[in-house]
Amino acid sequence: MFYLDKLNLETRILENIGQSMMVTNTHGIIEKVNRSFTKVTGYDAEEIIGKNPNVLQSGRHDQNFYQKMWQSIKSEGYWQGNIWNKRKNGEIYPEWLTISEVRNDAGELKYYIGLLSDVSEK
């Protein structure tokens, strides 16, 4: 019972935080997004889960940008910075993005979590 209560609490927290969140598996497939993510990007959870986050790419960054980003994630366990992404309606917008590795108790990589903030109004 305690485990279920804790899981429900964690789910509610992730759903209600003000920051947009995306969780992908180690193959880069989106497994979870929160309400804030759907509000910012325009994608409903049902239409984005199962896809690769590259559907959000704006086209403003070259391959070198993404290679450096992933090098940082693999060596440091995270990356953060400004990035231009694209909403479902095609609008390109700036966001502050942090991508972090999530490992289990044995140190095995299980997920990546992306926390993003729309900075277009700042």
PDB file of N, CA and C in Angstrom:
ATOM      1  N   MET A   1       0.821  -1.189   0.000  1.00  0.00           N
ATOM      2  CA  MET A   1       0.000   0.000   0.000  1.00  0.00           C
ATOM      3  C   MET A   1       0.871   1.262   0.000  1.00  0.00           C
ATOM      4  N   PHE A   2       1.932   1.265   0.793  1.00  0.00           N
ATOM      5  CA  PHE A   2       2.813   2.428   0.850  1.00  0.00           C
ATOM      6  C   PHE A   2       3.416   2.729  -0.514  1.00  0.00           C
ATOM      7  N   TYR A   3       3.865   1.681  -1.219  1.00  0.00           N
ATOM      8  CA  TYR A   3       4.480   1.861  -2.533  1.00  0.00           C
ATOM      9  C   TYR A   3       3.484   2.514  -3.491  1.00  0.00           C
ATOM     10  N   LEU A   4       2.246   2.041  -3.491  1.00  0.00           N
ATOM     11  CA  LEU A   4       1.221   2.598  -4.365  1.00  0.00           C
ATOM     12  C   LEU A   4       0.948   4.056  -4.020  1.00  0.00           C
ATOM     13  N   ASP A   5       0.847   4.385  -2.739  1.00  0.00           N
ATOM     14  CA  ASP A   5       0.632   5.772  -2.319  1.00  0.00           C
ATOM     15  C   ASP A   5       1.783   6.665  -2.770  1.00  0.00           C
ATOM     16  N   LYS A   6       3.001   6.166  -2.612  1.00  0.00           N
ATOM     17  CA  LYS A   6       4.179   6.926  -3.011  1.00  0.00           C
ATOM     18  C   LYS A   6       4.190   7.130  -4.524  1.00  0.00           C
ATOM     19  N   LEU A   7       3.861   6.092  -5.281  1.00  0.00           N
ATOM     20  CA  LEU A   7       3.810   6.194  -6.731  1.00  0.00           C
ATOM     21  C   LEU A   7       2.751   7.199  -7.175  1.00  0.00           C
ATOM     22  N   ASN A   8       1.584   7.166  -6.558  1.00  0.00           N
ATOM     23  CA  ASN A   8       0.529   8.120  -6.884  1.00  0.00           C
ATOM     24  C   ASN A   8       0.969   9.550  -6.571  1.00  0.00           C
ATOM     25  N   LEU A   9       1.650   9.739  -5.456  1.00  0.00           N
ATOM     26  CA  LEU A   9       2.139  11.060  -5.083  1.00  0.00           C
ATOM     27  C   LEU A   9       3.152  11.556  -6.113  1.00  0.00           C
ATOM     28  N   GLU A  10       4.098  10.711  -6.497  1.00  0.00           N
ATOM     29  CA  GLU A  10       5.109  11.107  -7.476  1.00  0.00           C
ATOM     30  C   GLU A  10       4.464  11.456  -8.811  1.00  0.00           C
ATOM     31  N   THR A  11       3.484  10.681  -9.226  1.00  0.00           N
ATOM     32  CA  THR A  11       2.782  10.958 -10.476  1.00  0.00           C
ATOM     33  C   THR A  11       2.067  12.297 -10.406  1.00  0.00           C
ATOM     34  N   ARG A  12       1.408  12.567  -9.293  1.00  0.00           N
ATOM     35  CA  ARG A  12       0.698  13.845  -9.131  1.00  0.00           C
ATOM     36  C   ARG A  12       1.661  15.021  -9.133  1.00  0.00           C
ATOM     37  N   ILE A  13       2.796  14.868  -8.503  1.00  0.00           N
ATOM     38  CA  ILE A  13       3.790  15.939  -8.481  1.00  0.00           C
ATOM     39  C   ILE A  13       4.263  16.239  -9.896  1.00  0.00           C
ATOM     40  N   LEU A  14       4.626  15.201 -10.651  1.00  0.00           N
ATOM     41  CA  LEU A  14       5.109  15.400 -12.008  1.00  0.00           C
ATOM     42  C   LEU A  14       4.053  16.028 -12.901  1.00  0.00           C
ATOM     43  N   GLU A  15       2.796  15.664 -12.694  1.00  0.00           N
ATOM     44  CA  GLU A  15       1.709  16.225 -13.494  1.00  0.00           C
ATOM     45  C   GLU A  15       1.457  17.694 -13.176  1.00  0.00           C
ATOM     46  N   ASN A  16       1.739  18.104 -11.966  1.00  0.00           N
ATOM     47  CA  ASN A  16       1.334  19.437 -11.530  1.00  0.00           C
ATOM     48  C   ASN A  16       2.468  20.439 -11.362  1.00  0.00           C
ATOM     49  N   ILE A  17       3.714  20.018 -11.607  1.00  0.00           N
ATOM     50  CA  ILE A  17       4.789  21.001 -11.534  1.00  0.00           C
ATOM     51  C   ILE A  17       4.626  21.986 -12.688  1.00  0.00           C
ATOM     52  N   GLY A  18       5.078  23.183 -12.496  1.00  0.00           N
ATOM     53  CA  GLY A  18       4.926  24.209 -13.512  1.00  0.00           C
ATOM     54  C   GLY A  18       5.847  24.034 -14.703  1.00  0.00           C
ATOM     55  N   GLN A  19       6.879  23.249 -14.552  1.00  0.00           N
ATOM     56  CA  GLN A  19       7.846  23.069 -15.624  1.00  0.00           C
ATOM     57  C   GLN A  19       7.440  21.900 -16.513  1.00  0.00           C
ATOM     58  N   SER A  20       7.673  22.045 -17.800  1.00  0.00           N
ATOM     59  CA  SER A  20       7.360  20.975 -18.745  1.00  0.00           C
ATOM     60  C   SER A  20       8.367  19.846 -18.603  1.00  0.00           C
ATOM     61  N   MET A  21       7.862  18.612 -18.723  1.00  0.00           N
ATOM     62  CA  MET A  21       8.696  17.446 -18.528  1.00  0.00           C
ATOM     63  C   MET A  21       8.400  16.389 -19.581  1.00  0.00           C
ATOM     64  N   MET A  22       9.466  15.746 -20.039  1.00  0.00           N
ATOM     65  CA  MET A  22       9.372  14.625 -20.962  1.00  0.00           C
ATOM     66  C   MET A  22      10.313  13.530 -20.469  1.00  0.00           C
ATOM     67  N   VAL A  23       9.862  12.279 -20.513  1.00  0.00           N
ATOM     68  CA  VAL A  23      10.701  11.138 -20.158  1.00  0.00           C
ATOM     69  C   VAL A  23      10.820  10.261 -21.393  1.00  0.00           C
ATOM     70  N   THR A  24      12.065   9.909 -21.740  1.00  0.00           N
ATOM     71  CA  THR A  24      12.284   8.970 -22.837  1.00  0.00           C
ATOM     72  C   THR A  24      13.006   7.746 -22.309  1.00  0.00           C
ATOM     73  N   ASN A  25      12.865   6.645 -23.032  1.00  0.00           N
ATOM     74  CA  ASN A  25      13.642   5.462 -22.690  1.00  0.00           C
ATOM     75  C   ASN A  25      15.045   5.623 -23.273  1.00  0.00           C
ATOM     76  N   THR A  26      15.878   4.622 -23.112  1.00  0.00           N
ATOM     77  CA  THR A  26      17.271   4.726 -23.566  1.00  0.00           C
ATOM     78  C   THR A  26      17.396   4.713 -25.085  1.00  0.00           C
ATOM     79  N   HIS A  27      16.324   4.358 -25.787  1.00  0.00           N
ATOM     80  CA  HIS A  27      16.319   4.366 -27.250  1.00  0.00           C
ATOM     81  C   HIS A  27      15.772   5.679 -27.806  1.00  0.00           C
ATOM     82  N   GLY A  28      15.456   6.628 -26.910  1.00  0.00           N
ATOM     83  CA  GLY A  28      14.981   7.929 -27.338  1.00  0.00           C
ATOM     84  C   GLY A  28      13.508   7.969 -27.689  1.00  0.00           C
ATOM     85  N   ILE A  29      12.732   7.050 -27.166  1.00  0.00           N
ATOM     86  CA  ILE A  29      11.294   7.027 -27.420  1.00  0.00           C
ATOM     87  C   ILE A  29      10.584   7.654 -26.226  1.00  0.00           C
ATOM     88  N   ILE A  30       9.701   8.605 -26.501  1.00  0.00           N
ATOM     89  CA  ILE A  30       8.987   9.307 -25.436  1.00  0.00           C
ATOM     90  C   ILE A  30       8.026   8.345 -24.744  1.00  0.00           C
ATOM     91  N   GLU A  31       8.144   8.267 -23.414  1.00  0.00           N
ATOM     92  CA  GLU A  31       7.282   7.400 -22.610  1.00  0.00           C
ATOM     93  C   GLU A  31       6.302   8.180 -21.744  1.00  0.00           C
ATOM     94  N   LYS A  32       6.642   9.423 -21.397  1.00  0.00           N
ATOM     95  CA  LYS A  32       5.771  10.200 -20.514  1.00  0.00           C
ATOM     96  C   LYS A  32       6.020  11.677 -20.750  1.00  0.00           C
ATOM     97  N   VAL A  33       4.935  12.441 -20.703  1.00  0.00           N
ATOM     98  CA  VAL A  33       5.002  13.899 -20.687  1.00  0.00           C
ATOM     99  C   VAL A  33       3.987  14.380 -19.659  1.00  0.00           C
ATOM    100  N   ASN A  34       4.173  15.596 -19.174  1.00  0.00           N
ATOM    101  CA  ASN A  34       3.195  16.124 -18.224  1.00  0.00           C
ATOM    102  C   ASN A  34       2.306  17.170 -18.897  1.00  0.00           C
ATOM    103  N   ARG A  35       1.343  17.672 -18.157  1.00  0.00           N
ATOM    104  CA  ARG A  35       0.386  18.643 -18.704  1.00  0.00           C
ATOM    105  C   ARG A  35       1.059  19.907 -19.214  1.00  0.00           C
ATOM    106  N   SER A  36       2.055  20.361 -18.482  1.00  0.00           N
ATOM    107  CA  SER A  36       2.758  21.568 -18.891  1.00  0.00           C
ATOM    108  C   SER A  36       3.425  21.365 -20.255  1.00  0.00           C
ATOM    109  N   PHE A  37       3.973  20.191 -20.503  1.00  0.00           N
ATOM    110  CA  PHE A  37       4.581  19.879 -21.793  1.00  0.00           C
ATOM    111  C   PHE A  37       3.551  19.991 -22.912  1.00  0.00           C
ATOM    112  N   THR A  38       2.371  19.416 -22.694  1.00  0.00           N
ATOM    113  CA  THR A  38       1.344  19.447 -23.734  1.00  0.00           C
ATOM    114  C   THR A  38       0.871  20.879 -23.987  1.00  0.00           C
ATOM    115  N   LYS A  39       0.835  21.672 -22.930  1.00  0.00           N
ATOM    116  CA  LYS A  39       0.416  23.074 -23.067  1.00  0.00           C
ATOM    117  C   LYS A  39       1.438  23.867 -23.885  1.00  0.00           C
ATOM    118  N   VAL A  40       2.719  23.658 -23.620  1.00  0.00           N
ATOM    119  CA  VAL A  40       3.775  24.402 -24.315  1.00  0.00           C
ATOM    120  C   VAL A  40       3.912  23.957 -25.767  1.00  0.00           C
ATOM    121  N   THR A  41       3.904  22.652 -26.012  1.00  0.00           N
ATOM    122  CA  THR A  41       4.192  22.146 -27.358  1.00  0.00           C
ATOM    123  C   THR A  41       2.957  22.004 -28.234  1.00  0.00           C
ATOM    124  N   GLY A  42       1.780  21.880 -27.612  1.00  0.00           N
ATOM    125  CA  GLY A  42       0.560  21.663 -28.388  1.00  0.00           C
ATOM    126  C   GLY A  42       0.275  20.208 -28.681  1.00  0.00           C
ATOM    127  N   TYR A  43       1.174  19.326 -28.313  1.00  0.00           N
ATOM    128  CA  TYR A  43       0.980  17.889 -28.517  1.00  0.00           C
ATOM    129  C   TYR A  43       0.260  17.284 -27.322  1.00  0.00           C
ATOM    130  N   ASP A  44      -0.804  16.536 -27.557  1.00  0.00           N
ATOM    131  CA  ASP A  44      -1.435  15.754 -26.504  1.00  0.00           C
ATOM    132  C   ASP A  44      -0.526  14.578 -26.194  1.00  0.00           C
ATOM    133  N   ALA A  45      -0.604  14.080 -24.974  1.00  0.00           N
ATOM    134  CA  ALA A  45       0.231  12.946 -24.571  1.00  0.00           C
ATOM    135  C   ALA A  45       0.042  11.764 -25.524  1.00  0.00           C
ATOM    136  N   GLU A  46      -1.199  11.484 -25.898  1.00  0.00           N
ATOM    137  CA  GLU A  46      -1.487  10.320 -26.742  1.00  0.00           C
ATOM    138  C   GLU A  46      -0.824  10.407 -28.113  1.00  0.00           C
ATOM    139  N   GLU A  47      -0.626  11.613 -28.637  1.00  0.00           N
ATOM    140  CA  GLU A  47      -0.043  11.728 -29.969  1.00  0.00           C
ATOM    141  C   GLU A  47       1.479  11.860 -29.958  1.00  0.00           C
ATOM    142  N   ILE A  48       2.082  12.137 -28.800  1.00  0.00           N
ATOM    143  CA  ILE A  48       3.539  12.288 -28.742  1.00  0.00           C
ATOM    144  C   ILE A  48       4.225  11.068 -28.121  1.00  0.00           C
ATOM    145  N   ILE A  49       3.546  10.373 -27.210  1.00  0.00           N
ATOM    146  CA  ILE A  49       4.141   9.176 -26.593  1.00  0.00           C
ATOM    147  C   ILE A  49       4.350   8.121 -27.680  1.00  0.00           C
ATOM    148  N   GLY A  50       5.546   7.532 -27.665  1.00  0.00           N
ATOM    149  CA  GLY A  50       5.910   6.542 -28.681  1.00  0.00           C
ATOM    150  C   GLY A  50       6.719   7.136 -29.821  1.00  0.00           C
ATOM    151  N   LYS A  51       6.864   8.452 -29.825  1.00  0.00           N
ATOM    152  CA  LYS A  51       7.638   9.123 -30.867  1.00  0.00           C
ATOM    153  C   LYS A  51       9.004   9.529 -30.331  1.00  0.00           C
ATOM    154  N   ASN A  52       9.882   9.903 -31.239  1.00  0.00           N
ATOM    155  CA  ASN A  52      11.194  10.411 -30.888  1.00  0.00           C
ATOM    156  C   ASN A  52      11.085  11.926 -30.680  1.00  0.00           C
ATOM    157  N   PRO A  53      11.805  12.491 -29.714  1.00  0.00           N
ATOM    158  CA  PRO A  53      11.748  13.937 -29.493  1.00  0.00           C
ATOM    159  C   PRO A  53      12.174  14.774 -30.692  1.00  0.00           C
ATOM    160  N   ASN A  54      12.793  14.163 -31.689  1.00  0.00           N
ATOM    161  CA  ASN A  54      13.209  14.951 -32.848  1.00  0.00           C
ATOM    162  C   ASN A  54      12.028  15.534 -33.626  1.00  0.00           C
ATOM    163  N   VAL A  55      10.798  15.109 -33.320  1.00  0.00           N
ATOM    164  CA  VAL A  55       9.624  15.737 -33.943  1.00  0.00           C
ATOM    165  C   VAL A  55       9.505  17.203 -33.509  1.00  0.00           C
ATOM    166  N   LEU A  56      10.194  17.573 -32.429  1.00  0.00           N
ATOM    167  CA  LEU A  56      10.164  18.943 -31.930  1.00  0.00           C
ATOM    168  C   LEU A  56      11.269  19.814 -32.531  1.00  0.00           C
ATOM    169  N   GLN A  57      12.190  19.223 -33.279  1.00  0.00           N
ATOM    170  CA  GLN A  57      13.326  19.983 -33.800  1.00  0.00           C
ATOM    171  C   GLN A  57      12.874  21.085 -34.753  1.00  0.00           C
ATOM    172  N   SER A  58      13.474  22.242 -34.573  1.00  0.00           N
ATOM    173  CA  SER A  58      13.108  23.419 -35.366  1.00  0.00           C
ATOM    174  C   SER A  58      13.839  23.496 -36.696  1.00  0.00           C
ATOM    175  N   GLY A  59      14.973  22.815 -36.800  1.00  0.00           N
ATOM    176  CA  GLY A  59      15.799  22.937 -37.995  1.00  0.00           C
ATOM    177  C   GLY A  59      16.842  24.036 -37.873  1.00  0.00           C
ATOM    178  N   ARG A  60      16.863  24.728 -36.730  1.00  0.00           N
ATOM    179  CA  ARG A  60      17.824  25.828 -36.533  1.00  0.00           C
ATOM    180  C   ARG A  60      19.180  25.356 -36.006  1.00  0.00           C
ATOM    181  N   HIS A  61      19.279  24.105 -35.626  1.00  0.00           N
ATOM    182  CA  HIS A  61      20.541  23.586 -35.100  1.00  0.00           C
ATOM    183  C   HIS A  61      21.077  22.521 -36.047  1.00  0.00           C
ATOM    184  N   ASP A  62      22.388  22.524 -36.230  1.00  0.00           N
ATOM    185  CA  ASP A  62      22.988  21.519 -37.098  1.00  0.00           C
ATOM    186  C   ASP A  62      23.326  20.248 -36.313  1.00  0.00           C
ATOM    187  N   GLN A  63      23.776  19.247 -37.023  1.00  0.00           N
ATOM    188  CA  GLN A  63      24.107  17.956 -36.414  1.00  0.00           C
ATOM    189  C   GLN A  63      25.179  18.105 -35.340  1.00  0.00           C
ATOM    190  N   ASN A  64      26.125  19.017 -35.542  1.00  0.00           N
ATOM    191  CA  ASN A  64      27.199  19.259 -34.582  1.00  0.00           C
ATOM    192  C   ASN A  64      26.644  19.694 -33.226  1.00  0.00           C
ATOM    193  N   PHE A  65      25.610  20.541 -33.224  1.00  0.00           N
ATOM    194  CA  PHE A  65      24.969  20.987 -31.988  1.00  0.00           C
ATOM    195  C   PHE A  65      24.472  19.786 -31.181  1.00  0.00           C
ATOM    196  N   TYR A  66      23.756  18.879 -31.849  1.00  0.00           N
ATOM    197  CA  TYR A  66      23.191  17.710 -31.162  1.00  0.00           C
ATOM    198  C   TYR A  66      24.276  16.724 -30.727  1.00  0.00           C
ATOM    199  N   GLN A  67      25.334  16.596 -31.530  1.00  0.00           N
ATOM    200  CA  GLN A  67      26.449  15.726 -31.138  1.00  0.00           C
ATOM    201  C   GLN A  67      27.109  16.224 -29.858  1.00  0.00           C
ATOM    202  N   LYS A  68      27.334  17.523 -29.751  1.00  0.00           N
ATOM    203  CA  LYS A  68      27.935  18.097 -28.540  1.00  0.00           C
ATOM    204  C   LYS A  68      27.000  17.936 -27.346  1.00  0.00           C
ATOM    205  N   MET A  69      25.706  18.126 -27.574  1.00  0.00           N
ATOM    206  CA  MET A  69      24.737  17.961 -26.502  1.00  0.00           C
ATOM    207  C   MET A  69      24.801  16.540 -25.948  1.00  0.00           C
ATOM    208  N   TRP A  70      24.791  15.539 -26.837  1.00  0.00           N
ATOM    209  CA  TRP A  70      24.812  14.145 -26.385  1.00  0.00           C
ATOM    210  C   TRP A  70      26.170  13.747 -25.804  1.00  0.00           C
ATOM    211  N   GLN A  71      27.247  14.338 -26.271  1.00  0.00           N
ATOM    212  CA  GLN A  71      28.555  14.093 -25.655  1.00  0.00           C
ATOM    213  C   GLN A  71      28.542  14.548 -24.204  1.00  0.00           C
ATOM    214  N   SER A  72      27.945  15.702 -23.951  1.00  0.00           N
ATOM    215  CA  SER A  72      27.841  16.216 -22.580  1.00  0.00           C
ATOM    216  C   SER A  72      26.984  15.293 -21.720  1.00  0.00           C
ATOM    217  N   ILE A  73      25.867  14.841 -22.249  1.00  0.00           N
ATOM    218  CA  ILE A  73      24.990  13.948 -21.486  1.00  0.00           C
ATOM    219  C   ILE A  73      25.724  12.668 -21.133  1.00  0.00           C
ATOM    220  N   LYS A  74      26.437  12.102 -22.088  1.00  0.00           N
ATOM    221  CA  LYS A  74      27.142  10.833 -21.844  1.00  0.00           C
ATOM    222  C   LYS A  74      28.334  10.992 -20.904  1.00  0.00           C
ATOM    223  N   SER A  75      29.014  12.148 -20.942  1.00  0.00           N
ATOM    224  CA  SER A  75      30.182  12.326 -20.072  1.00  0.00           C
ATOM    225  C   SER A  75      29.833  12.930 -18.716  1.00  0.00           C
ATOM    226  N   GLU A  76      28.865  13.841 -18.672  1.00  0.00           N
ATOM    227  CA  GLU A  76      28.517  14.535 -17.435  1.00  0.00           C
ATOM    228  C   GLU A  76      27.238  14.028 -16.787  1.00  0.00           C
ATOM    229  N   GLY A  77      26.412  13.321 -17.557  1.00  0.00           N
ATOM    230  CA  GLY A  77      25.133  12.850 -17.040  1.00  0.00           C
ATOM    231  C   GLY A  77      23.992  13.820 -17.267  1.00  0.00           C
ATOM    232  N   TYR A  78      24.305  14.985 -17.857  1.00  0.00           N
ATOM    233  CA  TYR A  78      23.252  15.966 -18.149  1.00  0.00           C
ATOM    234  C   TYR A  78      23.762  16.983 -19.172  1.00  0.00           C
ATOM    235  N   TRP A  79      22.832  17.739 -19.714  1.00  0.00           N
ATOM    236  CA  TRP A  79      23.123  18.887 -20.570  1.00  0.00           C
ATOM    237  C   TRP A  79      22.050  19.924 -20.302  1.00  0.00           C
ATOM    238  N   GLN A  80      22.431  21.194 -20.362  1.00  0.00           N
ATOM    239  CA  GLN A  80      21.434  22.249 -20.278  1.00  0.00           C
ATOM    240  C   GLN A  80      21.856  23.417 -21.147  1.00  0.00           C
ATOM    241  N   GLY A  81      20.859  24.069 -21.706  1.00  0.00           N
ATOM    242  CA  GLY A  81      21.140  25.217 -22.548  1.00  0.00           C
ATOM    243  C   GLY A  81      19.903  25.671 -23.288  1.00  0.00           C
ATOM    244  N   ASN A  82      20.096  26.731 -24.070  1.00  0.00           N
ATOM    245  CA  ASN A  82      19.012  27.248 -24.893  1.00  0.00           C
ATOM    246  C   ASN A  82      18.933  26.456 -26.185  1.00  0.00           C
ATOM    247  N   ILE A  83      17.712  26.215 -26.618  1.00  0.00           N
ATOM    248  CA  ILE A  83      17.479  25.471 -27.847  1.00  0.00           C
ATOM    249  C   ILE A  83      16.202  26.003 -28.496  1.00  0.00           C
ATOM    250  N   TRP A  84      16.168  25.957 -29.807  1.00  0.00           N
ATOM    251  CA  TRP A  84      14.971  26.336 -30.547  1.00  0.00           C
ATOM    252  C   TRP A  84      14.227  25.057 -30.905  1.00  0.00           C
ATOM    253  N   ASN A  85      12.975  24.981 -30.534  1.00  0.00           N
ATOM    254  CA  ASN A  85      12.140  23.830 -30.865  1.00  0.00           C
ATOM    255  C   ASN A  85      10.894  24.286 -31.591  1.00  0.00           C
ATOM    256  N   LYS A  86      10.086  23.322 -32.012  1.00  0.00           N
ATOM    257  CA  LYS A  86       8.907  23.612 -32.821  1.00  0.00           C
ATOM    258  C   LYS A  86       7.669  23.016 -32.178  1.00  0.00           C
ATOM    259  N   ARG A  87       6.633  23.837 -32.053  1.00  0.00           N
ATOM    260  CA  ARG A  87       5.352  23.381 -31.533  1.00  0.00           C
ATOM    261  C   ARG A  87       4.611  22.580 -32.610  1.00  0.00           C
ATOM    262  N   LYS A  88       3.558  21.912 -32.207  1.00  0.00           N
ATOM    263  CA  LYS A  88       2.745  21.130 -33.132  1.00  0.00           C
ATOM    264  C   LYS A  88       2.229  21.987 -34.284  1.00  0.00           C
ATOM    265  N   ASN A  89       1.889  23.242 -34.012  1.00  0.00           N
ATOM    266  CA  ASN A  89       1.347  24.123 -35.045  1.00  0.00           C
ATOM    267  C   ASN A  89       2.424  24.695 -35.970  1.00  0.00           C
ATOM    268  N   GLY A  90       3.692  24.303 -35.759  1.00  0.00           N
ATOM    269  CA  GLY A  90       4.787  24.749 -36.611  1.00  0.00           C
ATOM    270  C   GLY A  90       5.528  25.972 -36.105  1.00  0.00           C
ATOM    271  N   GLU A  91       5.013  26.610 -35.067  1.00  0.00           N
ATOM    272  CA  GLU A  91       5.675  27.781 -34.502  1.00  0.00           C
ATOM    273  C   GLU A  91       6.996  27.378 -33.859  1.00  0.00           C
ATOM    274  N   ILE A  92       8.037  28.117 -34.194  1.00  0.00           N
ATOM    275  CA  ILE A  92       9.360  27.879 -33.611  1.00  0.00           C
ATOM    276  C   ILE A  92       9.514  28.800 -32.415  1.00  0.00           C
ATOM    277  N   TYR A  93      10.022  28.239 -31.320  1.00  0.00           N
ATOM    278  CA  TYR A  93      10.122  29.005 -30.079  1.00  0.00           C
ATOM    279  C   TYR A  93      11.405  28.624 -29.336  1.00  0.00           C
ATOM    280  N   PRO A  94      11.943  29.547 -28.527  1.00  0.00           N
ATOM    281  CA  PRO A  94      13.136  29.242 -27.727  1.00  0.00           C
ATOM    282  C   PRO A  94      12.739  28.617 -26.390  1.00  0.00           C
ATOM    283  N   GLU A  95      13.552  27.694 -25.950  1.00  0.00           N
ATOM    284  CA  GLU A  95      13.320  27.100 -24.632  1.00  0.00           C
ATOM    285  C   GLU A  95      14.650  26.861 -23.941  1.00  0.00           C
ATOM    286  N   TRP A  96      14.591  26.833 -22.617  1.00  0.00           N
ATOM    287  CA  TRP A  96      15.721  26.429 -21.792  1.00  0.00           C
ATOM    288  C   TRP A  96      15.487  24.957 -21.495  1.00  0.00           C
ATOM    289  N   LEU A  97      16.427  24.114 -21.865  1.00  0.00           N
ATOM    290  CA  LEU A  97      16.264  22.673 -21.759  1.00  0.00           C
ATOM    291  C   LEU A  97      17.356  22.062 -20.897  1.00  0.00           C
ATOM    292  N   THR A  98      16.954  21.188 -20.002  1.00  0.00           N
ATOM    293  CA  THR A  98      17.895  20.381 -19.221  1.00  0.00           C
ATOM    294  C   THR A  98      17.541  18.926 -19.470  1.00  0.00           C
ATOM    295  N   ILE A  99      18.514  18.150 -19.914  1.00  0.00           N
ATOM    296  CA  ILE A  99      18.341  16.711 -20.121  1.00  0.00           C
ATOM    297  C   ILE A  99      19.258  15.999 -19.141  1.00  0.00           C
ATOM    298  N   SER A 100      18.692  15.070 -18.380  1.00  0.00           N
ATOM    299  CA  SER A 100      19.475  14.327 -17.374  1.00  0.00           C
ATOM    300  C   SER A 100      19.268  12.843 -17.538  1.00  0.00           C
ATOM    301  N   GLU A 101      20.326  12.092 -17.253  1.00  0.00           N
ATOM    302  CA  GLU A 101      20.224  10.641 -17.212  1.00  0.00           C
ATOM    303  C   GLU A 101      19.523  10.215 -15.929  1.00  0.00           C
ATOM    304  N   VAL A 102      18.798   9.111 -15.994  1.00  0.00           N
ATOM    305  CA  VAL A 102      18.208   8.487 -14.805  1.00  0.00           C
ATOM    306  C   VAL A 102      18.721   7.055 -14.775  1.00  0.00           C
ATOM    307  N   ARG A 103      19.405   6.722 -13.693  1.00  0.00           N
ATOM    308  CA  ARG A 103      19.984   5.382 -13.541  1.00  0.00           C
ATOM    309  C   ARG A 103      19.325   4.670 -12.372  1.00  0.00           C
ATOM    310  N   ASN A 104      19.305   3.350 -12.438  1.00  0.00           N
ATOM    311  CA  ASN A 104      18.755   2.568 -11.331  1.00  0.00           C
ATOM    312  C   ASN A 104      19.821   2.380 -10.253  1.00  0.00           C
ATOM    313  N   ASP A 105      19.482   1.652  -9.203  1.00  0.00           N
ATOM    314  CA  ASP A 105      20.407   1.452  -8.077  1.00  0.00           C
ATOM    315  C   ASP A 105      21.691   0.741  -8.483  1.00  0.00           C
ATOM    316  N   ALA A 106      21.628  -0.042  -9.560  1.00  0.00           N
ATOM    317  CA  ALA A 106      22.811  -0.757 -10.048  1.00  0.00           C
ATOM    318  C   ALA A 106      23.654   0.113 -10.984  1.00  0.00           C
ATOM    319  N   GLY A 107      23.222   1.351 -11.218  1.00  0.00           N
ATOM    320  CA  GLY A 107      23.974   2.254 -12.080  1.00  0.00           C
ATOM    321  C   GLY A 107      23.647   2.121 -13.560  1.00  0.00           C
ATOM    322  N   GLU A 108      22.634   1.337 -13.881  1.00  0.00           N
ATOM    323  CA  GLU A 108      22.263   1.136 -15.280  1.00  0.00           C
ATOM    324  C   GLU A 108      21.379   2.284 -15.759  1.00  0.00           C
ATOM    325  N   LEU A 109      21.685   2.779 -16.945  1.00  0.00           N
ATOM    326  CA  LEU A 109      20.884   3.842 -17.536  1.00  0.00           C
ATOM    327  C   LEU A 109      19.504   3.313 -17.874  1.00  0.00           C
ATOM    328  N   LYS A 110      18.460   4.008 -17.398  1.00  0.00           N
ATOM    329  CA  LYS A 110      17.078   3.563 -17.624  1.00  0.00           C
ATOM    330  C   LYS A 110      16.265   4.565 -18.435  1.00  0.00           C
ATOM    331  N   TYR A 111      16.467   5.857 -18.179  1.00  0.00           N
ATOM    332  CA  TYR A 111      15.667   6.889 -18.826  1.00  0.00           C
ATOM    333  C   TYR A 111      16.481   8.162 -18.994  1.00  0.00           C
ATOM    334  N   TYR A 112      15.916   9.047 -19.794  1.00  0.00           N
ATOM    335  CA  TYR A 112      16.368  10.433 -19.855  1.00  0.00           C
ATOM    336  C   TYR A 112      15.166  11.293 -19.497  1.00  0.00           C
ATOM    337  N   ILE A 113      15.399  12.319 -18.702  1.00  0.00           N
ATOM    338  CA  ILE A 113      14.338  13.263 -18.374  1.00  0.00           C
ATOM    339  C   ILE A 113      14.729  14.615 -18.943  1.00  0.00           C
ATOM    340  N   GLY A 114      13.803  15.197 -19.676  1.00  0.00           N
ATOM    341  CA  GLY A 114      13.980  16.540 -20.195  1.00  0.00           C
ATOM    342  C   GLY A 114      13.052  17.492 -19.479  1.00  0.00           C
ATOM    343  N   LEU A 115      13.602  18.540 -18.912  1.00  0.00           N
ATOM    344  CA  LEU A 115      12.815  19.604 -18.289  1.00  0.00           C
ATOM    345  C   LEU A 115      12.996  20.831 -19.161  1.00  0.00           C
ATOM    346  N   LEU A 116      11.883  21.412 -19.604  1.00  0.00           N
ATOM    347  CA  LEU A 116      11.985  22.534 -20.510  1.00  0.00           C
ATOM    348  C   LEU A 116      11.113  23.682 -20.069  1.00  0.00           C
ATOM    349  N   SER A 117      11.609  24.874 -20.342  1.00  0.00           N
ATOM    350  CA  SER A 117      10.872  26.093 -20.034  1.00  0.00           C
ATOM    351  C   SER A 117      10.806  26.938 -21.291  1.00  0.00           C
ATOM    352  N   ASP A 118       9.615  27.317 -21.682  1.00  0.00           N
ATOM    353  CA  ASP A 118       9.415  28.224 -22.809  1.00  0.00           C
ATOM    354  C   ASP A 118       9.914  29.590 -22.394  1.00  0.00           C
ATOM    355  N   VAL A 119      10.919  30.099 -23.091  1.00  0.00           N
ATOM    356  CA  VAL A 119      11.480  31.405 -22.750  1.00  0.00           C
ATOM    357  C   VAL A 119      11.147  32.456 -23.810  1.00  0.00           C
ATOM    358  N   SER A 120      10.167  32.181 -24.630  1.00  0.00           N
ATOM    359  CA  SER A 120       9.816  33.110 -25.708  1.00  0.00           C
ATOM    360  C   SER A 120       9.287  34.440 -25.190  1.00  0.00           C
ATOM    361  N   GLU A 121       8.742  34.457 -23.993  1.00  0.00           N
ATOM    362  CA  GLU A 121       8.211  35.700 -23.438  1.00  0.00           C
ATOM    363  C   GLU A 121       9.218  36.434 -22.567  1.00  0.00           C
ATOM    364  N   LYS A 122      10.398  35.855 -22.381  1.00  0.00           N
ATOM    365  CA  LYS A 122      11.397  36.476 -21.514  1.00  0.00           C
ATOM    366  C   LYS A 122      12.388  37.279 -22.316  1.00  0.00           C
TER     367      LYS A 122
END
